[in-house]
Amino acid sequence: MIALLSSLDWLATIHRDYVMEHHWPAASGTIYNLSEQSREVQPPSIRQRRYTVYWAEFNVALDLPPDRCPGDIMVLPQKEECHGVARSPASRSPGAAFRWLGRHRVNSRVTVHYDLQERKLWIAGESVADLYPWDKILTTIVLLALSAVLFFIAHKIALADATDGSGAETDATMVSLNI
């Protein structure tokens, strides 16, 4: 049961990523600024320690008309331009944020998926190795495997006790007949 509950968070993450990749419209753009960001997280339980999460932020000038802009519209001397901020998934590892920054440089072209209602951008075409919370997925797999092993052992012990119980009565009867 605990393993199934632990899977809810990462299953929601996978579903969200699937929806973004397959249902949100896509646009091209150019990264003009990038940075590593962080914040401290206070868990709901007082027994857990605070921790820091890290992510990469990419400011992107999008090749979209102003009426389809999911971000801010900047008025430049020649034209209006659409700009937005795409973020990598948050991680407890600063290295994960820096790997995102290493893959996408200033002035590089990217494809982003965007949502006009939520005004969110998501860089397209990233590897599932960089998108999904593999630590949580592996924890769930270990918990499920451990649960299956414990269930199998408990089932074998219950079968052995049931067999020994009926066998002991037969043995006692046989012993009493021999006496």
C-alpha atoms as a PDB file:
ATOM      1  CA  MET A   1       0.000   0.000   0.000  1.00  0.00           C
ATOM      2  CA  ILE A   2       2.849   2.401   0.871  1.00  0.00           C
ATOM      3  CA  ALA A   3       4.546   1.625  -2.436  1.00  0.00           C
ATOM      4  CA  LEU A   4       1.374   2.437  -4.344  1.00  0.00           C
ATOM      5  CA  LEU A   5       0.916   5.699  -2.470  1.00  0.00           C
ATOM      6  CA  SER A   6       4.531   6.652  -3.122  1.00  0.00           C
ATOM      7  CA  SER A   7       3.919   6.213  -6.837  1.00  0.00           C
ATOM      8  CA  LEU A   8       1.165   8.865  -7.013  1.00  0.00           C
ATOM      9  CA  ASP A   9       3.592  11.792  -7.151  1.00  0.00           C
ATOM     10  CA  TRP A  10       5.804  10.455  -9.896  1.00  0.00           C
ATOM     11  CA  LEU A  11       2.874   9.103 -11.891  1.00  0.00           C
ATOM     12  CA  ALA A  12       1.395  12.623 -11.834  1.00  0.00           C
ATOM     13  CA  THR A  13       4.761  13.987 -13.048  1.00  0.00           C
ATOM     14  CA  ILE A  14       4.887  11.506 -15.936  1.00  0.00           C
ATOM     15  CA  HIS A  15       1.274  12.303 -16.857  1.00  0.00           C
ATOM     16  CA  ARG A  16       1.959  16.065 -16.776  1.00  0.00           C
ATOM     17  CA  ASP A  17       5.020  15.631 -19.004  1.00  0.00           C
ATOM     18  CA  TYR A  18       3.053  13.469 -21.430  1.00  0.00           C
ATOM     19  CA  VAL A  19       0.268  16.051 -21.678  1.00  0.00           C
ATOM     20  CA  MET A  20       2.774  18.854 -22.256  1.00  0.00           C
ATOM     21  CA  GLU A  21       4.693  16.932 -24.915  1.00  0.00           C
ATOM     22  CA  HIS A  22       1.629  15.638 -26.801  1.00  0.00           C
ATOM     23  CA  HIS A  23      -1.156  18.192 -26.298  1.00  0.00           C
ATOM     24  CA  TRP A  24       0.426  21.613 -25.851  1.00  0.00           C
ATOM     25  CA  PRO A  25       1.324  23.576 -28.992  1.00  0.00           C
ATOM     26  CA  ALA A  26       4.990  23.978 -29.874  1.00  0.00           C
ATOM     27  CA  ALA A  27       6.989  27.031 -30.925  1.00  0.00           C
ATOM     28  CA  SER A  28      10.587  27.795 -31.746  1.00  0.00           C
ATOM     29  CA  GLY A  29      12.608  30.356 -29.909  1.00  0.00           C
ATOM     30  CA  THR A  30      16.048  31.598 -28.974  1.00  0.00           C
ATOM     31  CA  ILE A  31      17.474  31.486 -25.460  1.00  0.00           C
ATOM     32  CA  TYR A  32      18.763  34.943 -24.571  1.00  0.00           C
ATOM     33  CA  ASN A  33      19.414  34.441 -20.857  1.00  0.00           C
ATOM     34  CA  LEU A  34      19.808  31.484 -18.521  1.00  0.00           C
ATOM     35  CA  SER A  35      20.415  30.986 -14.824  1.00  0.00           C
ATOM     36  CA  GLU A  36      20.469  28.424 -12.036  1.00  0.00           C
ATOM     37  CA  GLN A  37      17.837  29.047  -9.355  1.00  0.00           C
ATOM     38  CA  SER A  38      17.185  27.508  -5.952  1.00  0.00           C
ATOM     39  CA  ARG A  39      14.868  27.713  -2.974  1.00  0.00           C
ATOM     40  CA  GLU A  40      14.660  26.139   0.438  1.00  0.00           C
ATOM     41  CA  VAL A  41      11.807  23.706   1.058  1.00  0.00           C
ATOM     42  CA  GLN A  42      10.225  23.250   4.479  1.00  0.00           C
ATOM     43  CA  PRO A  43       8.649  19.765   4.593  1.00  0.00           C
ATOM     44  CA  PRO A  44       5.189  19.482   6.211  1.00  0.00           C
ATOM     45  CA  SER A  45       6.563  17.296   9.010  1.00  0.00           C
ATOM     46  CA  ILE A  46       8.681  18.913  11.739  1.00  0.00           C
ATOM     47  CA  ARG A  47      10.720  15.699  11.892  1.00  0.00           C
ATOM     48  CA  GLN A  48      12.079  16.193   8.394  1.00  0.00           C
ATOM     49  CA  ARG A  49      14.930  18.574   7.679  1.00  0.00           C
ATOM     50  CA  ARG A  50      14.710  21.495   5.326  1.00  0.00           C
ATOM     51  CA  TYR A  51      16.322  20.959   1.966  1.00  0.00           C
ATOM     52  CA  THR A  52      17.144  22.977  -1.124  1.00  0.00           C
ATOM     53  CA  VAL A  53      15.840  22.356  -4.622  1.00  0.00           C
ATOM     54  CA  TYR A  54      17.574  23.597  -7.769  1.00  0.00           C
ATOM     55  CA  TRP A  55      16.414  24.233 -11.320  1.00  0.00           C
ATOM     56  CA  ALA A  56      17.522  26.002 -14.479  1.00  0.00           C
ATOM     57  CA  GLU A  57      15.619  28.953 -15.932  1.00  0.00           C
ATOM     58  CA  PHE A  58      15.766  29.888 -19.605  1.00  0.00           C
ATOM     59  CA  ASN A  59      14.496  33.215 -20.920  1.00  0.00           C
ATOM     60  CA  VAL A  60      13.341  32.547 -24.465  1.00  0.00           C
ATOM     61  CA  ALA A  61      12.396  34.940 -27.260  1.00  0.00           C
ATOM     62  CA  LEU A  62       9.609  33.039 -29.025  1.00  0.00           C
ATOM     63  CA  ASP A  63       8.730  33.087 -32.707  1.00  0.00           C
ATOM     64  CA  LEU A  64       5.040  33.654 -31.957  1.00  0.00           C
ATOM     65  CA  PRO A  65       2.617  36.451 -32.778  1.00  0.00           C
ATOM     66  CA  PRO A  66       1.600  38.577 -29.756  1.00  0.00           C
ATOM     67  CA  ASP A  67      -1.933  37.118 -29.608  1.00  0.00           C
ATOM     68  CA  ARG A  68      -0.516  33.587 -29.050  1.00  0.00           C
ATOM     69  CA  CYS A  69       2.195  34.618 -26.584  1.00  0.00           C
ATOM     70  CA  PRO A  70       2.233  32.551 -23.374  1.00  0.00           C
ATOM     71  CA  GLY A  71       4.637  34.966 -21.687  1.00  0.00           C
ATOM     72  CA  ASP A  72       5.304  38.683 -21.763  1.00  0.00           C
ATOM     73  CA  ILE A  73       5.264  40.873 -24.828  1.00  0.00           C
ATOM     74  CA  MET A  74       8.165  43.295 -25.098  1.00  0.00           C
ATOM     75  CA  VAL A  75       7.794  46.302 -27.333  1.00  0.00           C
ATOM     76  CA  LEU A  76      10.972  46.831 -29.325  1.00  0.00           C
ATOM     77  CA  PRO A  77      11.665  49.702 -31.761  1.00  0.00           C
ATOM     78  CA  GLN A  78      10.810  47.628 -34.854  1.00  0.00           C
ATOM     79  CA  LYS A  79       8.229  45.162 -33.508  1.00  0.00           C
ATOM     80  CA  GLU A  80       6.579  43.509 -30.555  1.00  0.00           C
ATOM     81  CA  GLU A  81       8.315  40.340 -29.426  1.00  0.00           C
ATOM     82  CA  CYS A  82       7.056  37.441 -27.319  1.00  0.00           C
ATOM     83  CA  HIS A  83       9.202  36.305 -24.378  1.00  0.00           C
ATOM     84  CA  GLY A  84       8.742  33.536 -21.862  1.00  0.00           C
ATOM     85  CA  VAL A  85      10.555  31.633 -19.134  1.00  0.00           C
ATOM     86  CA  ALA A  86      11.045  27.862 -19.362  1.00  0.00           C
ATOM     87  CA  ARG A  87      12.153  25.955 -16.272  1.00  0.00           C
ATOM     88  CA  SER A  88      13.767  22.567 -15.827  1.00  0.00           C
ATOM     89  CA  PRO A  89      12.292  20.152 -13.282  1.00  0.00           C
ATOM     90  CA  ALA A  90      13.332  20.935  -9.710  1.00  0.00           C
ATOM     91  CA  SER A  91      15.876  18.596  -8.136  1.00  0.00           C
ATOM     92  CA  ARG A  92      17.741  18.336  -4.856  1.00  0.00           C
ATOM     93  CA  SER A  93      20.915  18.123  -6.909  1.00  0.00           C
ATOM     94  CA  PRO A  94      22.516  21.344  -8.155  1.00  0.00           C
ATOM     95  CA  GLY A  95      24.304  19.191 -10.724  1.00  0.00           C
ATOM     96  CA  ALA A  96      20.975  18.402 -12.412  1.00  0.00           C
ATOM     97  CA  ALA A  97      20.299  22.124 -12.943  1.00  0.00           C
ATOM     98  CA  PHE A  98      23.820  22.681 -14.277  1.00  0.00           C
ATOM     99  CA  ARG A  99      23.436  19.769 -16.722  1.00  0.00           C
ATOM    100  CA  TRP A 100      20.371  21.526 -18.152  1.00  0.00           C
ATOM    101  CA  LEU A 101      22.372  24.746 -18.445  1.00  0.00           C
ATOM    102  CA  GLY A 102      25.147  22.827 -20.212  1.00  0.00           C
ATOM    103  CA  ARG A 103      22.752  21.439 -22.832  1.00  0.00           C
ATOM    104  CA  HIS A 104      21.184  24.803 -23.680  1.00  0.00           C
ATOM    105  CA  ARG A 105      23.393  27.842 -24.270  1.00  0.00           C
ATOM    106  CA  VAL A 106      22.649  31.526 -24.806  1.00  0.00           C
ATOM    107  CA  ASN A 107      21.655  32.213 -28.443  1.00  0.00           C
ATOM    108  CA  SER A 108      20.789  28.553 -29.028  1.00  0.00           C
ATOM    109  CA  ARG A 109      17.524  27.630 -30.737  1.00  0.00           C
ATOM    110  CA  VAL A 110      15.014  25.538 -28.813  1.00  0.00           C
ATOM    111  CA  THR A 111      11.540  24.195 -29.316  1.00  0.00           C
ATOM    112  CA  VAL A 112       9.177  24.799 -26.426  1.00  0.00           C
ATOM    113  CA  HIS A 113       5.694  23.566 -25.630  1.00  0.00           C
ATOM    114  CA  TYR A 114       3.458  26.217 -24.131  1.00  0.00           C
ATOM    115  CA  ASP A 115       0.089  26.616 -22.443  1.00  0.00           C
ATOM    116  CA  LEU A 116      -1.716  29.916 -22.927  1.00  0.00           C
ATOM    117  CA  GLN A 117      -4.037  29.498 -19.918  1.00  0.00           C
ATOM    118  CA  GLU A 118      -1.312  28.704 -17.378  1.00  0.00           C
ATOM    119  CA  ARG A 119       1.318  30.813 -19.177  1.00  0.00           C
ATOM    120  CA  LYS A 120       3.881  28.022 -18.867  1.00  0.00           C
ATOM    121  CA  LEU A 121       6.712  26.996 -21.166  1.00  0.00           C
ATOM    122  CA  TRP A 122       8.454  23.639 -21.296  1.00  0.00           C
ATOM    123  CA  ILE A 123      11.549  22.844 -23.357  1.00  0.00           C
ATOM    124  CA  ALA A 124      10.685  20.055 -25.787  1.00  0.00           C
ATOM    125  CA  GLY A 125      12.671  17.008 -26.771  1.00  0.00           C
ATOM    126  CA  GLU A 126      14.413  16.349 -23.457  1.00  0.00           C
ATOM    127  CA  SER A 127      15.379  12.827 -22.440  1.00  0.00           C
ATOM    128  CA  VAL A 128      13.179  10.975 -19.950  1.00  0.00           C
ATOM    129  CA  ALA A 129      16.373  10.430 -17.955  1.00  0.00           C
ATOM    130  CA  ASP A 130      16.384  14.184 -17.250  1.00  0.00           C
ATOM    131  CA  LEU A 131      12.638  14.686 -16.824  1.00  0.00           C
ATOM    132  CA  TYR A 132      11.392  11.956 -14.523  1.00  0.00           C
ATOM    133  CA  PRO A 133      12.027  11.638 -10.768  1.00  0.00           C
ATOM    134  CA  TRP A 134      14.020   8.408 -10.986  1.00  0.00           C
ATOM    135  CA  ASP A 135      14.889   8.379  -7.278  1.00  0.00           C
ATOM    136  CA  LYS A 136      11.175   8.192  -6.410  1.00  0.00           C
ATOM    137  CA  ILE A 137      10.484   5.631  -9.115  1.00  0.00           C
ATOM    138  CA  LEU A 138      13.306   3.380  -7.875  1.00  0.00           C
ATOM    139  CA  THR A 139      12.111   3.746  -4.268  1.00  0.00           C
ATOM    140  CA  THR A 140       8.655   2.589  -5.327  1.00  0.00           C
ATOM    141  CA  ILE A 141      10.090  -0.373  -7.240  1.00  0.00           C
ATOM    142  CA  VAL A 142      12.167  -1.412  -4.208  1.00  0.00           C
ATOM    143  CA  LEU A 143       9.127  -1.092  -1.909  1.00  0.00           C
ATOM    144  CA  LEU A 144       6.985  -3.142  -4.303  1.00  0.00           C
ATOM    145  CA  ALA A 145       9.671  -5.828  -4.598  1.00  0.00           C
ATOM    146  CA  LEU A 146      10.118  -5.957  -0.817  1.00  0.00           C
ATOM    147  CA  SER A 147       6.339  -6.189  -0.349  1.00  0.00           C
ATOM    148  CA  ALA A 148       6.125  -9.027  -2.875  1.00  0.00           C
ATOM    149  CA  VAL A 149       8.956 -10.935  -1.151  1.00  0.00           C
ATOM    150  CA  LEU A 150       7.385 -10.476   2.294  1.00  0.00           C
ATOM    151  CA  PHE A 151       3.984 -11.533   0.941  1.00  0.00           C
ATOM    152  CA  PHE A 152       5.532 -14.638  -0.663  1.00  0.00           C
ATOM    153  CA  ILE A 153       7.338 -15.558   2.585  1.00  0.00           C
ATOM    154  CA  ALA A 154       4.198 -15.018   4.675  1.00  0.00           C
ATOM    155  CA  HIS A 155       2.186 -17.113   2.228  1.00  0.00           C
ATOM    156  CA  LYS A 156       4.754 -19.955   2.366  1.00  0.00           C
ATOM    157  CA  ILE A 157       4.784 -19.871   6.180  1.00  0.00           C
ATOM    158  CA  ALA A 158       0.983 -19.935   6.282  1.00  0.00           C
ATOM    159  CA  LEU A 159       0.925 -22.935   3.911  1.00  0.00           C
ATOM    160  CA  ALA A 160       3.609 -24.702   5.951  1.00  0.00           C
ATOM    161  CA  ASP A 161       1.670 -24.101   9.199  1.00  0.00           C
ATOM    162  CA  ALA A 162      -1.528 -25.397   7.604  1.00  0.00           C
ATOM    163  CA  THR A 163       0.258 -28.511   6.334  1.00  0.00           C
ATOM    164  CA  ASP A 164       2.087 -29.108   9.635  1.00  0.00           C
ATOM    165  CA  GLY A 165      -1.127 -28.706  11.617  1.00  0.00           C
ATOM    166  CA  SER A 166      -3.085 -31.352   9.705  1.00  0.00           C
ATOM    167  CA  GLY A 167      -0.053 -33.593   9.479  1.00  0.00           C
ATOM    168  CA  ALA A 168       0.521 -33.400  13.234  1.00  0.00           C
ATOM    169  CA  GLU A 169      -3.029 -34.622  13.925  1.00  0.00           C
ATOM    170  CA  THR A 170      -2.526 -37.539  11.574  1.00  0.00           C
ATOM    171  CA  ASP A 171       0.798 -38.362  13.206  1.00  0.00           C
ATOM    172  CA  ALA A 172      -0.770 -38.176  16.702  1.00  0.00           C
ATOM    173  CA  THR A 173      -3.554 -40.514  15.610  1.00  0.00           C
ATOM    174  CA  MET A 174      -1.048 -42.892  14.164  1.00  0.00           C
ATOM    175  CA  VAL A 175       0.997 -42.795  17.329  1.00  0.00           C
ATOM    176  CA  SER A 176      -2.065 -43.473  19.509  1.00  0.00           C
ATOM    177  CA  LEU A 177      -2.994 -46.449  17.315  1.00  0.00           C
ATOM    178  CA  ASN A 178       0.432 -47.960  17.735  1.00  0.00           C
ATOM    179  CA  ILE A 179       0.311 -47.759  21.452  1.00  0.00           C
END
